[in-house]
């Protein structure tokens, strides 16, 4: 997202936008990285188990960044690593 004053990219989304909106596709959630709304399902969002409810079930929570922006926002070092990186001691040739 570009800042309107100095044309630099920023890590924030307009605070005036609501987190959720209702459309003809159903409920959509705002991604904090790209600033776009995506349908609230497992195809577009990573999920995690939320708090335990009083009836004993756990609620399903969705991450703040969509799947396409998740690694950009939370794991940038993973994107910088070369595809064929040698990761283990065995791959380096140390175990003979």
Protein backbone atom coordinates (compact mmCIF):
# COMPACT_ATOMS: atom_id res chain seq x y z
CA UNK A 1 0.00 0.00 0.00
CA UNK A 2 1.33 3.46 -0.89
CA UNK A 3 1.29 6.34 1.55
CA UNK A 4 -0.54 9.26 -0.04
CA UNK A 5 1.98 11.81 1.24
CA UNK A 6 5.37 10.42 0.30
CA UNK A 7 4.64 7.48 -2.07
CA UNK A 8 6.49 4.97 0.11
CA UNK A 9 5.07 1.56 0.86
CA UNK A 10 3.72 1.12 4.34
CA UNK A 11 2.66 -1.82 6.53
CA UNK A 12 -0.68 -0.42 7.55
CA UNK A 13 -4.16 -0.48 6.19
CA UNK A 14 -6.63 2.41 6.34
CA UNK A 15 -8.08 2.37 9.86
CA UNK A 16 -11.45 3.60 8.60
CA UNK A 17 -12.11 0.33 6.74
CA UNK A 18 -14.17 -2.23 8.68
CA UNK A 19 -12.56 -5.63 9.37
CA UNK A 20 -15.54 -7.53 8.00
CA UNK A 21 -18.11 -6.76 5.31
CA UNK A 22 -21.17 -8.60 4.03
CA UNK A 23 -21.36 -9.11 0.24
CA UNK A 24 -23.28 -11.36 -2.15
CA UNK A 25 -20.51 -13.94 -1.65
CA UNK A 26 -21.05 -13.93 2.11
CA UNK A 27 -18.85 -12.54 4.85
CA UNK A 28 -15.46 -11.14 3.77
CA UNK A 29 -12.46 -10.18 5.89
CA UNK A 30 -9.90 -7.41 5.38
CA UNK A 31 -6.26 -8.46 4.91
CA UNK A 32 -3.91 -6.26 6.93
CA UNK A 33 -1.10 -6.60 4.39
CA UNK A 34 -2.69 -5.99 0.98
CA UNK A 35 -5.77 -4.10 2.21
CA UNK A 36 -8.25 -6.15 0.16
CA UNK A 37 -11.32 -8.07 1.25
CA UNK A 38 -11.39 -11.86 0.75
CA UNK A 39 -14.15 -14.42 1.48
CA UNK A 40 -13.92 -15.81 5.00
CA UNK A 41 -13.09 -19.47 4.36
CA UNK A 42 -10.14 -21.87 4.39
CA UNK A 43 -9.31 -21.21 0.75
CA UNK A 44 -8.13 -17.65 1.44
CA UNK A 45 -7.17 -17.68 5.15
CA UNK A 46 -5.04 -19.82 7.47
CA UNK A 47 -6.95 -20.88 10.59
CA UNK A 48 -6.03 -21.67 14.17
CA UNK A 49 -7.93 -22.93 17.20
CA UNK A 50 -9.29 -20.13 19.30
CA UNK A 51 -10.42 -20.00 22.89
CA UNK A 52 -12.36 -22.78 24.53
CA UNK A 53 -16.07 -22.01 24.69
CA UNK A 54 -18.31 -22.77 27.66
CA UNK A 55 -19.85 -25.77 25.89
CA UNK A 56 -16.40 -27.39 25.46
CA UNK A 57 -15.83 -26.65 21.76
CA UNK A 58 -13.06 -24.49 20.35
CA UNK A 59 -13.75 -21.56 18.08
CA UNK A 60 -12.06 -21.27 14.68
CA UNK A 61 -10.04 -18.09 14.24
CA UNK A 62 -8.57 -16.67 11.05
CA UNK A 63 -5.14 -15.07 10.64
CA UNK A 64 -4.90 -11.31 10.05
CA UNK A 65 -3.10 -11.65 6.69
CA UNK A 66 -4.53 -13.66 3.78
CA UNK A 67 -2.72 -16.77 2.51
CA UNK A 68 -1.01 -14.90 -0.32
CA UNK A 69 0.38 -12.24 2.08
CA UNK A 70 1.08 -14.47 5.10
CA UNK A 71 4.70 -15.35 4.29
CA UNK A 72 5.47 -11.81 3.15
CA UNK A 73 4.30 -10.38 6.47
CA UNK A 74 5.28 -13.02 9.04
CA UNK A 75 8.14 -15.02 7.47
CA UNK A 76 10.14 -12.74 5.16
CA UNK A 77 13.37 -14.68 5.82
CA UNK A 78 11.77 -17.74 4.23
CA UNK A 79 11.31 -15.86 0.95
CA UNK A 80 14.94 -14.69 0.90
CA UNK A 81 16.38 -18.21 1.18
CA UNK A 82 17.38 -19.77 -2.17
CA UNK A 83 15.22 -22.66 -3.37
CA UNK A 84 18.03 -25.24 -3.25
CA UNK A 85 19.52 -24.12 0.07
CA UNK A 86 21.50 -26.71 2.00
CA UNK A 87 19.83 -26.87 5.38
CA UNK A 88 21.08 -29.88 7.31
CA UNK A 89 24.47 -31.19 8.40
CA UNK A 90 23.90 -34.31 6.28
CA UNK A 91 23.20 -32.27 3.11
CA UNK A 92 26.41 -30.29 3.62
CA UNK A 93 28.40 -33.53 3.41
CA UNK A 94 29.39 -33.70 7.08
CA UNK A 95 27.93 -37.14 7.68
CA UNK A 96 30.08 -39.69 5.92
